C-alpha atoms as a PDB file:
ATOM      1  CA  MET A   1      15.717 -79.115 -45.319  1.00  0.00           C
ATOM      2  CA  LYS A   2      19.388 -78.330 -45.841  1.00  0.00           C
ATOM      3  CA  PRO A   3      21.619 -76.075 -43.752  1.00  0.00           C
ATOM      4  CA  ALA A   4      22.664 -72.612 -44.820  1.00  0.00           C
ATOM      5  CA  PRO A   5      26.147 -72.419 -46.424  1.00  0.00           C
ATOM      6  CA  PHE A   6      29.097 -72.673 -44.055  1.00  0.00           C
ATOM      7  CA  GLU A   7      32.868 -73.131 -44.053  1.00  0.00           C
ATOM      8  CA  TYR A   8      34.208 -76.379 -42.632  1.00  0.00           C
ATOM      9  CA  PHE A   9      37.485 -76.985 -40.807  1.00  0.00           C
ATOM     10  CA  ALA A  10      38.827 -80.234 -39.310  1.00  0.00           C
ATOM     11  CA  PRO A  11      41.683 -79.295 -36.943  1.00  0.00           C
ATOM     12  CA  SER A  12      44.194 -81.908 -35.860  1.00  0.00           C
ATOM     13  CA  SER A  13      44.852 -80.452 -32.389  1.00  0.00           C
ATOM     14  CA  VAL A  14      43.093 -78.491 -29.662  1.00  0.00           C
ATOM     15  CA  ASP A  15      45.437 -75.562 -30.249  1.00  0.00           C
ATOM     16  CA  GLU A  16      44.482 -75.474 -33.929  1.00  0.00           C
ATOM     17  CA  ALA A  17      40.784 -75.609 -32.995  1.00  0.00           C
ATOM     18  CA  LEU A  18      41.253 -72.695 -30.595  1.00  0.00           C
ATOM     19  CA  ASP A  19      43.023 -70.705 -33.306  1.00  0.00           C
ATOM     20  CA  LEU A  20      40.063 -71.273 -35.634  1.00  0.00           C
ATOM     21  CA  LEU A  21      37.528 -70.237 -32.991  1.00  0.00           C
ATOM     22  CA  ALA A  22      39.553 -67.091 -32.284  1.00  0.00           C
ATOM     23  CA  ALA A  23      39.878 -66.233 -35.970  1.00  0.00           C
ATOM     24  CA  HIS A  24      36.222 -66.706 -36.894  1.00  0.00           C
ATOM     25  CA  GLY A  25      33.655 -64.820 -34.843  1.00  0.00           C
ATOM     26  CA  ASP A  26      30.714 -66.957 -36.010  1.00  0.00           C
ATOM     27  CA  ALA A  27      32.284 -70.387 -35.586  1.00  0.00           C
ATOM     28  CA  ARG A  28      30.652 -73.330 -33.827  1.00  0.00           C
ATOM     29  CA  PRO A  29      32.422 -76.467 -32.599  1.00  0.00           C
ATOM     30  CA  LEU A  30      30.997 -79.699 -34.021  1.00  0.00           C
ATOM     31  CA  ALA A  31      31.243 -82.763 -31.792  1.00  0.00           C
ATOM     32  CA  GLY A  32      28.696 -85.564 -32.176  1.00  0.00           C
ATOM     33  CA  GLY A  33      26.338 -83.317 -34.109  1.00  0.00           C
ATOM     34  CA  GLN A  34      23.224 -84.888 -32.611  1.00  0.00           C
ATOM     35  CA  SER A  35      21.891 -81.476 -31.542  1.00  0.00           C
ATOM     36  CA  LEU A  36      23.633 -78.957 -33.776  1.00  0.00           C
ATOM     37  CA  VAL A  37      23.138 -80.650 -37.159  1.00  0.00           C
ATOM     38  CA  PRO A  38      19.318 -80.995 -36.863  1.00  0.00           C
ATOM     39  CA  MET A  39      19.127 -77.346 -35.813  1.00  0.00           C
ATOM     40  CA  MET A  40      21.205 -76.386 -38.848  1.00  0.00           C
ATOM     41  CA  ASN A  41      19.016 -78.445 -41.149  1.00  0.00           C
ATOM     42  CA  LEU A  42      15.971 -76.599 -39.814  1.00  0.00           C
ATOM     43  CA  ARG A  43      17.926 -73.330 -40.091  1.00  0.00           C
ATOM     44  CA  LEU A  44      17.385 -72.630 -36.411  1.00  0.00           C
ATOM     45  CA  ALA A  45      21.185 -72.345 -36.228  1.00  0.00           C
ATOM     46  CA  ARG A  46      23.239 -70.765 -39.022  1.00  0.00           C
ATOM     47  CA  PRO A  47      26.910 -70.815 -38.091  1.00  0.00           C
ATOM     48  CA  ALA A  48      29.191 -69.397 -40.768  1.00  0.00           C
ATOM     49  CA  VAL A  49      31.980 -71.772 -39.744  1.00  0.00           C
ATOM     50  CA  LEU A  50      32.048 -75.303 -38.338  1.00  0.00           C
ATOM     51  CA  VAL A  51      35.106 -76.518 -36.443  1.00  0.00           C
ATOM     52  CA  ASP A  52      34.954 -80.321 -36.393  1.00  0.00           C
ATOM     53  CA  LEU A  53      36.360 -81.783 -33.163  1.00  0.00           C
ATOM     54  CA  ASN A  54      35.978 -85.435 -34.083  1.00  0.00           C
ATOM     55  CA  GLY A  55      39.642 -85.856 -34.971  1.00  0.00           C
ATOM     56  CA  LEU A  56      40.822 -84.629 -31.569  1.00  0.00           C
ATOM     57  CA  GLU A  57      41.612 -87.869 -29.758  1.00  0.00           C
ATOM     58  CA  GLU A  58      43.154 -85.850 -26.944  1.00  0.00           C
ATOM     59  CA  LEU A  59      39.604 -84.834 -25.915  1.00  0.00           C
ATOM     60  CA  SER A  60      38.338 -88.411 -25.687  1.00  0.00           C
ATOM     61  CA  PHE A  61      39.264 -89.995 -22.373  1.00  0.00           C
ATOM     62  CA  ILE A  62      37.966 -91.211 -19.008  1.00  0.00           C
ATOM     63  CA  GLU A  63      40.354 -90.745 -16.104  1.00  0.00           C
ATOM     64  CA  THR A  64      40.107 -91.344 -12.364  1.00  0.00           C
ATOM     65  CA  ALA A  65      40.782 -88.124 -10.472  1.00  0.00           C
ATOM     66  CA  SER A  66      42.891 -87.940  -7.324  1.00  0.00           C
ATOM     67  CA  ASP A  67      39.745 -87.760  -5.134  1.00  0.00           C
ATOM     68  CA  GLY A  68      38.318 -90.889  -6.732  1.00  0.00           C
ATOM     69  CA  GLY A  69      36.018 -88.921  -9.035  1.00  0.00           C
ATOM     70  CA  LEU A  70      36.163 -88.640 -12.802  1.00  0.00           C
ATOM     71  CA  ARG A  71      37.790 -86.410 -15.376  1.00  0.00           C
ATOM     72  CA  ILE A  72      36.155 -86.910 -18.765  1.00  0.00           C
ATOM     73  CA  GLY A  73      37.235 -85.520 -22.124  1.00  0.00           C
ATOM     74  CA  ALA A  74      34.541 -83.432 -23.777  1.00  0.00           C
ATOM     75  CA  VAL A  75      34.509 -85.482 -27.001  1.00  0.00           C
ATOM     76  CA  THR A  76      34.047 -88.801 -25.182  1.00  0.00           C
ATOM     77  CA  ARG A  77      31.073 -90.610 -26.707  1.00  0.00           C
ATOM     78  CA  GLN A  78      28.033 -91.137 -24.522  1.00  0.00           C
ATOM     79  CA  ARG A  79      27.965 -94.844 -25.353  1.00  0.00           C
ATOM     80  CA  THR A  80      31.589 -95.182 -24.217  1.00  0.00           C
ATOM     81  CA  LEU A  81      30.629 -93.664 -20.867  1.00  0.00           C
ATOM     82  CA  GLU A  82      27.545 -95.851 -20.624  1.00  0.00           C
ATOM     83  CA  MET A  83      29.598 -99.029 -21.026  1.00  0.00           C
ATOM     84  CA  SER A  84      32.484 -97.960 -18.770  1.00  0.00           C
ATOM     85  CA  PRO A  85      32.916 -99.860 -15.459  1.00  0.00           C
ATOM     86  CA  ARG A  86      34.934 -96.873 -14.219  1.00  0.00           C
ATOM     87  CA  VAL A  87      31.971 -94.548 -14.727  1.00  0.00           C
ATOM     88  CA  ALA A  88      29.582 -97.008 -13.068  1.00  0.00           C
ATOM     89  CA  ALA A  89      31.820 -97.197  -9.996  1.00  0.00           C
ATOM     90  CA  ALA A  90      32.831 -93.536  -9.671  1.00  0.00           C
ATOM     91  CA  CYS A  91      29.642 -91.777 -10.803  1.00  0.00           C
ATOM     92  CA  PRO A  92      26.607 -94.066 -10.654  1.00  0.00           C
ATOM     93  CA  LEU A  93      24.232 -91.157 -11.345  1.00  0.00           C
ATOM     94  CA  LEU A  94      25.857 -90.564 -14.738  1.00  0.00           C
ATOM     95  CA  GLN A  95      25.705 -94.288 -15.496  1.00  0.00           C
ATOM     96  CA  GLN A  96      21.992 -94.376 -14.609  1.00  0.00           C
ATOM     97  CA  ALA A  97      21.127 -91.350 -16.750  1.00  0.00           C
ATOM     98  CA  LEU A  98      22.964 -92.296 -19.942  1.00  0.00           C
ATOM     99  CA  PRO A  99      20.558 -95.019 -21.176  1.00  0.00           C
ATOM    100  CA  TRP A 100      17.749 -92.437 -21.199  1.00  0.00           C
ATOM    101  CA  ILE A 101      19.501 -90.364 -23.874  1.00  0.00           C
ATOM    102  CA  GLY A 102      17.809 -90.996 -27.217  1.00  0.00           C
ATOM    103  CA  HIS A 103      18.660 -94.390 -28.696  1.00  0.00           C
ATOM    104  CA  THR A 104      21.878 -96.393 -28.896  1.00  0.00           C
ATOM    105  CA  GLN A 105      22.681 -94.995 -32.342  1.00  0.00           C
ATOM    106  CA  ILE A 106      22.474 -91.464 -30.961  1.00  0.00           C
ATOM    107  CA  ARG A 107      24.662 -92.285 -27.973  1.00  0.00           C
ATOM    108  CA  ASN A 108      27.214 -93.860 -30.325  1.00  0.00           C
ATOM    109  CA  ARG A 109      27.731 -90.407 -31.879  1.00  0.00           C
ATOM    110  CA  GLY A 110      26.710 -87.983 -29.144  1.00  0.00           C
ATOM    111  CA  THR A 111      29.398 -86.633 -26.810  1.00  0.00           C
ATOM    112  CA  ILE A 112      29.212 -85.530 -23.209  1.00  0.00           C
ATOM    113  CA  GLY A 113      30.684 -82.117 -24.006  1.00  0.00           C
ATOM    114  CA  GLY A 114      28.352 -81.518 -26.929  1.00  0.00           C
ATOM    115  CA  SER A 115      25.278 -82.138 -24.791  1.00  0.00           C
ATOM    116  CA  LEU A 116      26.515 -79.932 -21.956  1.00  0.00           C
ATOM    117  CA  ALA A 117      27.532 -77.081 -24.262  1.00  0.00           C
ATOM    118  CA  HIS A 118      24.171 -77.245 -26.058  1.00  0.00           C
ATOM    119  CA  GLY A 119      22.336 -76.730 -22.744  1.00  0.00           C
ATOM    120  CA  ASP A 120      18.991 -78.238 -23.748  1.00  0.00           C
ATOM    121  CA  PRO A 121      16.615 -78.043 -20.734  1.00  0.00           C
ATOM    122  CA  ALA A 122      15.261 -81.514 -21.568  1.00  0.00           C
ATOM    123  CA  ALA A 123      18.712 -83.121 -21.704  1.00  0.00           C
ATOM    124  CA  GLU A 124      19.873 -85.577 -19.086  1.00  0.00           C
ATOM    125  CA  LEU A 125      23.567 -84.698 -18.844  1.00  0.00           C
ATOM    126  CA  PRO A 126      23.148 -81.072 -17.708  1.00  0.00           C
ATOM    127  CA  ALA A 127      20.944 -82.321 -14.856  1.00  0.00           C
ATOM    128  CA  VAL A 128      23.582 -84.880 -13.871  1.00  0.00           C
ATOM    129  CA  ALA A 129      26.316 -82.238 -13.984  1.00  0.00           C
ATOM    130  CA  LEU A 130      24.348 -79.964 -11.659  1.00  0.00           C
ATOM    131  CA  ALA A 131      23.374 -82.800  -9.288  1.00  0.00           C
ATOM    132  CA  THR A 132      26.983 -84.001  -8.965  1.00  0.00           C
ATOM    133  CA  GLU A 133      28.432 -80.477  -8.686  1.00  0.00           C
ATOM    134  CA  ALA A 134      30.611 -81.059 -11.722  1.00  0.00           C
ATOM    135  CA  THR A 135      33.146 -78.555 -13.012  1.00  0.00           C
ATOM    136  CA  MET A 136      33.486 -77.640 -16.692  1.00  0.00           C
ATOM    137  CA  VAL A 137      36.979 -76.979 -18.005  1.00  0.00           C
ATOM    138  CA  ALA A 138      37.031 -74.461 -20.854  1.00  0.00           C
ATOM    139  CA  ARG A 139      40.008 -73.330 -22.921  1.00  0.00           C
ATOM    140  CA  SER A 140      40.653 -70.402 -25.237  1.00  0.00           C
ATOM    141  CA  ARG A 141      43.785 -68.744 -26.580  1.00  0.00           C
ATOM    142  CA  ALA A 142      43.765 -66.666 -23.378  1.00  0.00           C
ATOM    143  CA  GLY A 143      44.089 -69.758 -21.198  1.00  0.00           C
ATOM    144  CA  GLU A 144      41.960 -72.173 -19.203  1.00  0.00           C
ATOM    145  CA  ARG A 145      39.124 -71.508 -16.795  1.00  0.00           C
ATOM    146  CA  ARG A 146      37.014 -73.765 -14.619  1.00  0.00           C
ATOM    147  CA  ILE A 147      33.265 -73.189 -14.368  1.00  0.00           C
ATOM    148  CA  ALA A 148      31.047 -74.778 -11.724  1.00  0.00           C
ATOM    149  CA  ALA A 149      27.921 -76.428 -13.113  1.00  0.00           C
ATOM    150  CA  ALA A 150      25.800 -74.027 -11.049  1.00  0.00           C
ATOM    151  CA  ASP A 151      27.318 -71.129 -13.032  1.00  0.00           C
ATOM    152  CA  PHE A 152      27.603 -72.873 -16.386  1.00  0.00           C
ATOM    153  CA  PHE A 153      23.939 -73.160 -17.397  1.00  0.00           C
ATOM    154  CA  GLU A 154      22.574 -69.663 -17.850  1.00  0.00           C
ATOM    155  CA  GLY A 155      19.220 -70.119 -19.584  1.00  0.00           C
ATOM    156  CA  LEU A 156      17.473 -71.705 -22.526  1.00  0.00           C
ATOM    157  CA  MET A 157      20.249 -73.379 -24.552  1.00  0.00           C
ATOM    158  CA  SER A 158      22.652 -70.799 -23.163  1.00  0.00           C
ATOM    159  CA  THR A 159      25.844 -71.462 -21.221  1.00  0.00           C
ATOM    160  CA  ALA A 160      28.753 -69.494 -19.800  1.00  0.00           C
ATOM    161  CA  LEU A 161      31.030 -70.553 -22.664  1.00  0.00           C
ATOM    162  CA  GLN A 162      32.398 -67.637 -24.649  1.00  0.00           C
ATOM    163  CA  PRO A 163      32.398 -67.771 -28.484  1.00  0.00           C
ATOM    164  CA  ASN A 164      36.153 -68.358 -28.583  1.00  0.00           C
ATOM    165  CA  GLU A 165      36.127 -71.011 -25.840  1.00  0.00           C
ATOM    166  CA  LEU A 166      36.097 -74.766 -26.153  1.00  0.00           C
ATOM    167  CA  LEU A 167      34.771 -77.132 -23.514  1.00  0.00           C
ATOM    168  CA  THR A 168      37.639 -79.591 -23.099  1.00  0.00           C
ATOM    169  CA  ALA A 169      36.867 -81.641 -19.991  1.00  0.00           C
ATOM    170  CA  ILE A 170      34.308 -82.315 -17.292  1.00  0.00           C
ATOM    171  CA  GLU A 171      35.352 -83.064 -13.721  1.00  0.00           C
ATOM    172  CA  ILE A 172      32.929 -84.918 -11.457  1.00  0.00           C
ATOM    173  CA  PRO A 173      33.864 -85.279  -7.777  1.00  0.00           C
ATOM    174  CA  ALA A 174      33.530 -88.602  -6.015  1.00  0.00           C
ATOM    175  CA  PRO A 175      30.328 -88.963  -3.971  1.00  0.00           C
ATOM    176  CA  ALA A 176      30.757 -88.681  -0.210  1.00  0.00           C
ATOM    177  CA  PRO A 177      30.456 -91.836   1.936  1.00  0.00           C
ATOM    178  CA  GLY A 178      26.861 -92.719   2.668  1.00  0.00           C
ATOM    179  CA  THR A 179      25.551 -91.235  -0.585  1.00  0.00           C
ATOM    180  CA  GLY A 180      22.828 -92.736  -2.742  1.00  0.00           C
ATOM    181  CA  VAL A 181      21.752 -91.476  -6.152  1.00  0.00           C
ATOM    182  CA  ALA A 182      18.876 -92.081  -8.539  1.00  0.00           C
ATOM    183  CA  PHE A 183      17.638 -90.813 -11.902  1.00  0.00           C
ATOM    184  CA  ASP A 184      14.256 -91.144 -13.583  1.00  0.00           C
ATOM    185  CA  GLU A 185      12.284 -89.432 -16.320  1.00  0.00           C
ATOM    186  CA  PHE A 186       9.063 -89.787 -18.276  1.00  0.00           C
ATOM    187  CA  SER A 187       8.557 -89.475 -22.025  1.00  0.00           C
ATOM    188  CA  ARG A 188       5.811 -90.523 -24.416  1.00  0.00           C
ATOM    189  CA  ARG A 189       8.101 -93.121 -25.979  1.00  0.00           C
ATOM    190  CA  HIS A 190      11.551 -94.346 -25.078  1.00  0.00           C
ATOM    191  CA  GLY A 191      14.076 -92.126 -26.804  1.00  0.00           C
ATOM    192  CA  ASP A 192      11.785 -89.098 -26.979  1.00  0.00           C
ATOM    193  CA  TYR A 193      12.617 -85.912 -25.112  1.00  0.00           C
ATOM    194  CA  ALA A 194      11.557 -86.142 -21.476  1.00  0.00           C
ATOM    195  CA  LEU A 195       8.321 -84.440 -20.492  1.00  0.00           C
ATOM    196  CA  ALA A 196       9.890 -84.220 -17.040  1.00  0.00           C
ATOM    197  CA  GLY A 197      12.771 -85.824 -15.209  1.00  0.00           C
ATOM    198  CA  ALA A 198      14.549 -85.831 -11.851  1.00  0.00           C
ATOM    199  CA  ALA A 199      17.960 -86.645 -10.438  1.00  0.00           C
ATOM    200  CA  ALA A 200      18.687 -86.992  -6.736  1.00  0.00           C
ATOM    201  CA  SER A 201      21.801 -87.340  -4.606  1.00  0.00           C
ATOM    202  CA  VAL A 202      21.251 -88.009  -0.888  1.00  0.00           C
ATOM    203  CA  GLN A 203      23.935 -88.362   1.774  1.00  0.00           C
ATOM    204  CA  LEU A 204      22.968 -89.794   5.169  1.00  0.00           C
ATOM    205  CA  HIS A 205      24.604 -89.373   8.556  1.00  0.00           C
ATOM    206  CA  PRO A 206      25.447 -92.600  10.409  1.00  0.00           C
ATOM    207  CA  ASP A 207      22.343 -91.961  12.562  1.00  0.00           C
ATOM    208  CA  GLY A 208      20.168 -92.065   9.432  1.00  0.00           C
ATOM    209  CA  ALA A 209      19.393 -88.341   9.149  1.00  0.00           C
ATOM    210  CA  VAL A 210      19.928 -86.547   5.855  1.00  0.00           C
ATOM    211  CA  ALA A 211      23.301 -84.792   5.816  1.00  0.00           C
ATOM    212  CA  GLU A 212      23.110 -83.369   2.303  1.00  0.00           C
ATOM    213  CA  VAL A 213      20.736 -83.641  -0.639  1.00  0.00           C
ATOM    214  CA  ARG A 214      20.558 -82.292  -4.163  1.00  0.00           C
ATOM    215  CA  ILE A 215      17.465 -82.611  -6.343  1.00  0.00           C
ATOM    216  CA  VAL A 216      17.714 -81.495  -9.961  1.00  0.00           C
ATOM    217  CA  LEU A 217      14.772 -81.407 -12.359  1.00  0.00           C
ATOM    218  CA  LEU A 218      14.874 -81.416 -16.137  1.00  0.00           C
ATOM    219  CA  SER A 219      12.415 -80.317 -18.818  1.00  0.00           C
ATOM    220  CA  VAL A 220      10.526 -78.092 -16.381  1.00  0.00           C
ATOM    221  CA  SER A 221      12.522 -74.865 -16.693  1.00  0.00           C
ATOM    222  CA  ASP A 222      14.896 -73.032 -19.056  1.00  0.00           C
ATOM    223  CA  GLY A 223      17.691 -75.342 -17.958  1.00  0.00           C
ATOM    224  CA  PRO A 224      18.490 -77.915 -15.289  1.00  0.00           C
ATOM    225  CA  PHE A 225      16.631 -76.766 -12.173  1.00  0.00           C
ATOM    226  CA  LEU A 226      18.054 -77.194  -8.666  1.00  0.00           C
ATOM    227  CA  ALA A 227      15.078 -77.727  -6.345  1.00  0.00           C
ATOM    228  CA  THR A 228      16.407 -76.026  -3.232  1.00  0.00           C
ATOM    229  CA  HIS A 229      13.110 -75.804  -1.336  1.00  0.00           C
ATOM    230  CA  ALA A 230      12.536 -79.512  -1.825  1.00  0.00           C
ATOM    231  CA  ALA A 231      16.028 -80.228  -0.503  1.00  0.00           C
ATOM    232  CA  ASP A 232      15.338 -78.077   2.554  1.00  0.00           C
ATOM    233  CA  CYS A 233      12.414 -80.352   3.419  1.00  0.00           C
ATOM    234  CA  LEU A 234      14.828 -83.268   3.794  1.00  0.00           C
ATOM    235  CA  ARG A 235      18.067 -81.832   5.137  1.00  0.00           C
ATOM    236  CA  GLY A 236      18.500 -82.761   8.813  1.00  0.00           C
ATOM    237  CA  GLU A 237      15.435 -85.024   8.799  1.00  0.00           C
ATOM    238  CA  THR A 238      15.208 -88.772   9.147  1.00  0.00           C
ATOM    239  CA  PRO A 239      13.632 -89.821   5.842  1.00  0.00           C
ATOM    240  CA  SER A 240      10.110 -91.167   6.024  1.00  0.00           C
ATOM    241  CA  PRO A 241       7.347 -91.464   3.422  1.00  0.00           C
ATOM    242  CA  GLU A 242       5.801 -88.282   4.830  1.00  0.00           C
ATOM    243  CA  VAL A 243       9.063 -86.315   4.609  1.00  0.00           C
ATOM    244  CA  ILE A 244       9.711 -87.566   1.078  1.00  0.00           C
ATOM    245  CA  GLU A 245       6.179 -86.612   0.054  1.00  0.00           C
ATOM    246  CA  ALA A 246       6.660 -83.107   1.460  1.00  0.00           C
ATOM    247  CA  ALA A 247       9.849 -82.751  -0.584  1.00  0.00           C
ATOM    248  CA  ALA A 248       8.084 -84.034  -3.711  1.00  0.00           C
ATOM    249  CA  GLN A 249       5.296 -81.497  -3.325  1.00  0.00           C
ATOM    250  CA  ALA A 250       7.833 -78.723  -2.681  1.00  0.00           C
ATOM    251  CA  ALA A 251       9.622 -79.647  -5.916  1.00  0.00           C
ATOM    252  CA  ARG A 252       6.337 -79.547  -7.772  1.00  0.00           C
ATOM    253  CA  ALA A 253       5.536 -76.119  -6.350  1.00  0.00           C
ATOM    254  CA  GLU A 254       8.899 -74.496  -7.072  1.00  0.00           C
ATOM    255  CA  ALA A 255       9.483 -75.891 -10.565  1.00  0.00           C
ATOM    256  CA  ASP A 256       6.773 -73.812 -12.305  1.00  0.00           C
ATOM    257  CA  PRO A 257       6.944 -75.679 -15.656  1.00  0.00           C
ATOM    258  CA  GLN A 258       5.512 -74.317 -18.879  1.00  0.00           C
ATOM    259  CA  GLY A 259       3.013 -76.124 -21.079  1.00  0.00           C
ATOM    260  CA  ASP A 260       3.525 -76.851 -24.779  1.00  0.00           C
ATOM    261  CA  ILE A 261       2.124 -79.118 -27.495  1.00  0.00           C
ATOM    262  CA  HIS A 262       3.580 -82.171 -25.727  1.00  0.00           C
ATOM    263  CA  ALA A 263       2.273 -81.641 -22.196  1.00  0.00           C
ATOM    264  CA  SER A 264       0.362 -79.050 -20.195  1.00  0.00           C
ATOM    265  CA  ALA A 265       2.011 -77.171 -17.357  1.00  0.00           C
ATOM    266  CA  ARG A 266      -0.277 -78.961 -14.903  1.00  0.00           C
ATOM    267  CA  TYR A 267       0.726 -82.389 -16.222  1.00  0.00           C
ATOM    268  CA  ARG A 268       4.419 -81.519 -16.087  1.00  0.00           C
ATOM    269  CA  GLY A 269       3.918 -80.353 -12.517  1.00  0.00           C
ATOM    270  CA  HIS A 270       2.267 -83.665 -11.632  1.00  0.00           C
ATOM    271  CA  LEU A 271       5.147 -85.579 -13.217  1.00  0.00           C
ATOM    272  CA  THR A 272       7.632 -83.485 -11.274  1.00  0.00           C
ATOM    273  CA  GLY A 273       6.093 -84.546  -7.976  1.00  0.00           C
ATOM    274  CA  VAL A 274       5.873 -88.213  -8.952  1.00  0.00           C
ATOM    275  CA  LEU A 275       9.433 -88.408 -10.287  1.00  0.00           C
ATOM    276  CA  THR A 276      10.901 -86.523  -7.327  1.00  0.00           C
ATOM    277  CA  ARG A 277       9.223 -88.974  -4.970  1.00  0.00           C
ATOM    278  CA  ARG A 278      10.614 -91.906  -6.959  1.00  0.00           C
ATOM    279  CA  VAL A 279      14.212 -90.737  -7.144  1.00  0.00           C
ATOM    280  CA  LEU A 280      14.316 -89.702  -3.493  1.00  0.00           C
ATOM    281  CA  THR A 281      12.923 -93.047  -2.367  1.00  0.00           C
ATOM    282  CA  ALA A 282      15.456 -94.922  -4.507  1.00  0.00           C
ATOM    283  CA  ALA A 283      18.432 -92.734  -3.559  1.00  0.00           C
ATOM    284  CA  ILE A 284      17.654 -92.969   0.157  1.00  0.00           C
ATOM    285  CA  ALA A 285      17.438 -96.760  -0.058  1.00  0.00           C
ATOM    286  CA  VAL A 286      20.886 -96.883  -1.656  1.00  0.00           C
ATOM    287  CA  ALA A 287      22.295 -94.419   0.874  1.00  0.00           C
ATOM    288  CA  ARG A 288      20.990 -96.484   3.801  1.00  0.00           C
ATOM    289  CA  ALA A 289      22.831 -99.512   2.453  1.00  0.00           C
ATOM    290  CA  ALA A 290      26.020 -97.471   1.989  1.00  0.00           C
ATOM    291  CA  VAL A 291      26.029 -95.348   5.147  1.00  0.00           C
ATOM    292  CA  PRO A 292      29.109 -95.986   7.331  1.00  0.00           C
ATOM    293  CA  ALA A 293      28.465 -97.669  10.669  1.00  0.00           C
ATOM    294  CA  PRO A 294      28.430 -95.245  13.663  1.00  0.00           C
END
């Protein structure tokens, strides 16, 4: 199929892009196009105006923040992030998740900002943003605002971005000392959308007890799902197989996934428990190796 008719603009600066978004009420930014263009071809999305961001080099960057974390331009390609030693060192969870996104050809075109703004519940990057407590930087003609990941994803392919706003950067804080992370997902074939996935970040006290933990599930809700009950099973405890299993079962119980033609709700629930157990086990092992000496 072909998309419905639309006007096309290729601004040469962020300010020009913001002017176009402000002037056209039914405008959509176009970044990598790996999500928007297929939806347009199926006529699930019918924007009257496309504002192409691919010429905006000022939105393609990877910087080290003052706290040792990352500041990433929204039009930075996923493959660039995947191959970056800076990303691997400062945000290992992002580096682990990137190879799961589609295929190399898709990551060559797809951008971090495009995936986050699209808000697909099966996407890896929204889950990483929520697990790392990232901040989204959005700009409009009215100015700039910063949106915590917990407030950014509002529902099925819905975010807190306003129609005249542009996601310009993503800020990811540095992990605390003694933190381990892990990411895993399951799909029918590599490159397919995940039937379920999980990301975990676990910080240990020097005595080995869990100081802080975040468990985020994907493809089991209307957006990235923060498994708070599962985290409560671990916080303050010394991790053991029994404690990890309790957290995995809590994640399975609170996720409440829906079934579809790809997997039943029961199967997605089973996967949620298995994947939560895997990522917690892996993240705790990394944290134990990284925990500061008492």
